[in-house]
Amino acid sequence: MLALFKMISRQIIKTMEAYCVKCKAKREMVDAKEVDMKGKGGVKRKAMKGKCPKCGTTMFRIMGKA
């Protein structure tokens, strides 16, 4: 059951939508990965990092606190 949940959550992560600054439009990220960013006051923040499918620019979407 846990393996099924992990598989489903990976599929959700792969279709993450973010704003592309270069294209000035919302697009689905390609090769989206979850990363930790340094936040204010030493708090880690979760973010998704991927590529724009149209122009190839790196895209970020900040998710929340870790």
C-alpha atoms as a PDB file:
ATOM      1  CA  MET A   1       0.000   0.000   0.000  1.00  0.00           C
ATOM      2  CA  LEU A   2       2.828   2.394   0.872  1.00  0.00           C
ATOM      3  CA  ALA A   3       4.587   1.630  -2.414  1.00  0.00           C
ATOM      4  CA  LEU A   4       1.390   2.496  -4.301  1.00  0.00           C
ATOM      5  CA  PHE A   5       1.137   5.836  -2.460  1.00  0.00           C
ATOM      6  CA  LYS A   6       4.777   6.675  -3.289  1.00  0.00           C
ATOM      7  CA  MET A   7       4.185   5.832  -6.945  1.00  0.00           C
ATOM      8  CA  ILE A   8       1.082   8.044  -7.076  1.00  0.00           C
ATOM      9  CA  SER A   9       2.836  10.925  -5.306  1.00  0.00           C
ATOM     10  CA  ARG A  10       5.720  10.767  -7.796  1.00  0.00           C
ATOM     11  CA  GLN A  11       3.227  11.064 -10.668  1.00  0.00           C
ATOM     12  CA  ILE A  12       1.658  14.117  -9.032  1.00  0.00           C
ATOM     13  CA  ILE A  13       5.073  15.708  -8.593  1.00  0.00           C
ATOM     14  CA  LYS A  14       5.967  15.147 -12.246  1.00  0.00           C
ATOM     15  CA  THR A  15       2.954  17.199 -13.399  1.00  0.00           C
ATOM     16  CA  MET A  16       3.662  20.248 -11.231  1.00  0.00           C
ATOM     17  CA  GLU A  17       2.640  23.585 -12.738  1.00  0.00           C
ATOM     18  CA  ALA A  18       4.746  26.724 -12.274  1.00  0.00           C
ATOM     19  CA  TYR A  19       5.196  30.167 -13.809  1.00  0.00           C
ATOM     20  CA  CYS A  20       7.872  30.582 -16.479  1.00  0.00           C
ATOM     21  CA  VAL A  21       9.387  34.067 -16.246  1.00  0.00           C
ATOM     22  CA  LYS A  22      10.812  33.931 -19.766  1.00  0.00           C
ATOM     23  CA  CYS A  23       7.574  32.775 -21.475  1.00  0.00           C
ATOM     24  CA  LYS A  24       5.392  34.800 -19.043  1.00  0.00           C
ATOM     25  CA  ALA A  25       2.932  31.909 -18.735  1.00  0.00           C
ATOM     26  CA  LYS A  26       2.042  29.025 -16.429  1.00  0.00           C
ATOM     27  CA  ARG A  27       3.352  25.703 -17.729  1.00  0.00           C
ATOM     28  CA  GLU A  28       3.853  22.159 -16.459  1.00  0.00           C
ATOM     29  CA  MET A  29       7.440  21.560 -15.387  1.00  0.00           C
ATOM     30  CA  VAL A  30       9.524  18.857 -17.020  1.00  0.00           C
ATOM     31  CA  ASP A  31      11.784  16.728 -14.760  1.00  0.00           C
ATOM     32  CA  ALA A  32      10.334  18.267 -11.583  1.00  0.00           C
ATOM     33  CA  LYS A  33      12.240  17.466  -8.372  1.00  0.00           C
ATOM     34  CA  GLU A  34      11.606  18.467  -4.772  1.00  0.00           C
ATOM     35  CA  VAL A  35      14.428  20.541  -3.284  1.00  0.00           C
ATOM     36  CA  ASP A  36      15.062  22.303   0.054  1.00  0.00           C
ATOM     37  CA  MET A  37      15.794  26.021   0.015  1.00  0.00           C
ATOM     38  CA  LYS A  38      17.217  28.166   2.816  1.00  0.00           C
ATOM     39  CA  GLY A  39      14.544  30.440   4.214  1.00  0.00           C
ATOM     40  CA  LYS A  40      14.537  33.452   6.449  1.00  0.00           C
ATOM     41  CA  GLY A  41      15.740  32.748   9.983  1.00  0.00           C
ATOM     42  CA  GLY A  42      17.341  29.413   9.068  1.00  0.00           C
ATOM     43  CA  VAL A  43      13.992  27.737   8.272  1.00  0.00           C
ATOM     44  CA  LYS A  44      14.101  25.266   5.380  1.00  0.00           C
ATOM     45  CA  ARG A  45      11.511  25.751   2.651  1.00  0.00           C
ATOM     46  CA  LYS A  46      10.295  23.076   0.233  1.00  0.00           C
ATOM     47  CA  ALA A  47      10.293  23.923  -3.450  1.00  0.00           C
ATOM     48  CA  MET A  48       9.888  22.183  -6.777  1.00  0.00           C
ATOM     49  CA  LYS A  49      12.556  22.705  -9.419  1.00  0.00           C
ATOM     50  CA  GLY A  50      12.125  21.785 -13.067  1.00  0.00           C
ATOM     51  CA  LYS A  51      12.435  22.979 -16.654  1.00  0.00           C
ATOM     52  CA  CYS A  52      10.008  24.810 -18.932  1.00  0.00           C
ATOM     53  CA  PRO A  53       8.967  22.465 -21.776  1.00  0.00           C
ATOM     54  CA  LYS A  54       8.890  25.296 -24.322  1.00  0.00           C
ATOM     55  CA  CYS A  55      12.051  27.355 -23.668  1.00  0.00           C
ATOM     56  CA  GLY A  56      14.087  25.155 -21.266  1.00  0.00           C
ATOM     57  CA  THR A  57      14.423  27.806 -18.542  1.00  0.00           C
ATOM     58  CA  THR A  58      14.750  26.576 -14.941  1.00  0.00           C
ATOM     59  CA  MET A  59      11.471  27.015 -13.050  1.00  0.00           C
ATOM     60  CA  PHE A  60      10.789  27.063  -9.291  1.00  0.00           C
ATOM     61  CA  ARG A  61       7.613  26.709  -7.293  1.00  0.00           C
ATOM     62  CA  ILE A  62       7.849  27.342  -3.546  1.00  0.00           C
ATOM     63  CA  MET A  63       5.669  24.838  -1.689  1.00  0.00           C
ATOM     64  CA  GLY A  64       5.845  25.723   1.996  1.00  0.00           C
ATOM     65  CA  LYS A  65       7.880  25.161   5.137  1.00  0.00           C
ATOM     66  CA  ALA A  66       9.686  21.848   5.579  1.00  0.00           C
END
